[in-house]
Amino acid sequence: MHPVKIVYWQDEGKWLGYLLDYPDYWTQAETLEELKINLNDLFCDITKLHLS
């Protein structure tokens, strides 16, 4: 399994980001740590869909 690359930035006090391989799926959070957790959850959900 290869590393998952993410794109993230801060805008107006919120952290926004997406998975580089899945740019249509964005998430946001109050902190960078929370954003990384959300992105991990998003990755798990997306890859679960592809396995079904």
C-alpha atoms as a PDB file:
ATOM      1  CA  MET A   1       0.000   0.000   0.000  1.00  0.00           C
ATOM      2  CA  HIS A   2       1.385   3.406  -0.917  1.00  0.00           C
ATOM      3  CA  PRO A   3       1.288   6.498   1.298  1.00  0.00           C
ATOM      4  CA  VAL A   4      -1.804   8.648   0.979  1.00  0.00           C
ATOM      5  CA  LYS A   5      -1.031  12.239   0.037  1.00  0.00           C
ATOM      6  CA  ILE A   6      -3.246  15.008   1.318  1.00  0.00           C
ATOM      7  CA  VAL A   7      -3.742  18.641   0.420  1.00  0.00           C
ATOM      8  CA  TYR A   8      -4.742  21.002   3.210  1.00  0.00           C
ATOM      9  CA  TRP A   9      -4.847  24.682   4.079  1.00  0.00           C
ATOM     10  CA  GLN A  10      -6.301  27.086   6.593  1.00  0.00           C
ATOM     11  CA  ASP A  11      -8.995  29.540   5.554  1.00  0.00           C
ATOM     12  CA  GLU A  12     -10.820  31.922   7.892  1.00  0.00           C
ATOM     13  CA  GLY A  13      -9.864  29.904  10.954  1.00  0.00           C
ATOM     14  CA  LYS A  14     -10.959  26.524   9.540  1.00  0.00           C
ATOM     15  CA  TRP A  15      -8.749  23.774   8.196  1.00  0.00           C
ATOM     16  CA  LEU A  16      -9.831  22.326   4.843  1.00  0.00           C
ATOM     17  CA  GLY A  17      -8.391  19.405   2.966  1.00  0.00           C
ATOM     18  CA  TYR A  18      -8.804  16.509   0.612  1.00  0.00           C
ATOM     19  CA  LEU A  19      -7.063  13.336  -0.454  1.00  0.00           C
ATOM     20  CA  LEU A  20      -4.894  13.940  -3.535  1.00  0.00           C
ATOM     21  CA  ASP A  21      -6.212  10.788  -5.240  1.00  0.00           C
ATOM     22  CA  TYR A  22      -9.834  11.791  -4.485  1.00  0.00           C
ATOM     23  CA  PRO A  23     -10.054  15.579  -5.015  1.00  0.00           C
ATOM     24  CA  ASP A  24     -13.863  15.583  -5.124  1.00  0.00           C
ATOM     25  CA  TYR A  25     -14.108  14.587  -1.445  1.00  0.00           C
ATOM     26  CA  TRP A  26     -13.310  17.492   0.880  1.00  0.00           C
ATOM     27  CA  THR A  27     -13.531  17.779   4.626  1.00  0.00           C
ATOM     28  CA  GLN A  28     -12.959  20.526   7.181  1.00  0.00           C
ATOM     29  CA  ALA A  29     -12.162  20.891  10.869  1.00  0.00           C
ATOM     30  CA  GLU A  30     -11.359  23.352  13.627  1.00  0.00           C
ATOM     31  CA  THR A  31      -7.792  22.050  14.106  1.00  0.00           C
ATOM     32  CA  LEU A  32      -5.176  20.446  11.881  1.00  0.00           C
ATOM     33  CA  GLU A  33      -5.165  17.319  14.031  1.00  0.00           C
ATOM     34  CA  GLU A  34      -8.952  16.993  13.689  1.00  0.00           C
ATOM     35  CA  LEU A  35      -8.637  17.484   9.929  1.00  0.00           C
ATOM     36  CA  LYS A  36      -6.127  14.644   9.679  1.00  0.00           C
ATOM     37  CA  ILE A  37      -8.516  12.388  11.611  1.00  0.00           C
ATOM     38  CA  ASN A  38     -11.371  13.377   9.285  1.00  0.00           C
ATOM     39  CA  LEU A  39      -9.208  12.704   6.221  1.00  0.00           C
ATOM     40  CA  ASN A  40      -8.267   9.291   7.601  1.00  0.00           C
ATOM     41  CA  ASP A  41     -11.940   8.464   8.180  1.00  0.00           C
ATOM     42  CA  LEU A  42     -12.754   9.690   4.687  1.00  0.00           C
ATOM     43  CA  PHE A  43     -10.039   7.487   3.189  1.00  0.00           C
ATOM     44  CA  CYS A  44     -11.385   4.458   5.068  1.00  0.00           C
ATOM     45  CA  ASP A  45     -14.919   5.151   3.835  1.00  0.00           C
ATOM     46  CA  ILE A  46     -13.832   5.663   0.220  1.00  0.00           C
ATOM     47  CA  THR A  47     -11.648   2.569   0.048  1.00  0.00           C
ATOM     48  CA  LYS A  48     -14.377   0.505   1.693  1.00  0.00           C
ATOM     49  CA  LEU A  49     -16.733   1.594  -1.113  1.00  0.00           C
ATOM     50  CA  HIS A  50     -14.228   0.469  -3.744  1.00  0.00           C
ATOM     51  CA  LEU A  51     -13.895  -2.971  -2.178  1.00  0.00           C
ATOM     52  CA  SER A  52     -17.644  -3.618  -2.163  1.00  0.00           C
END
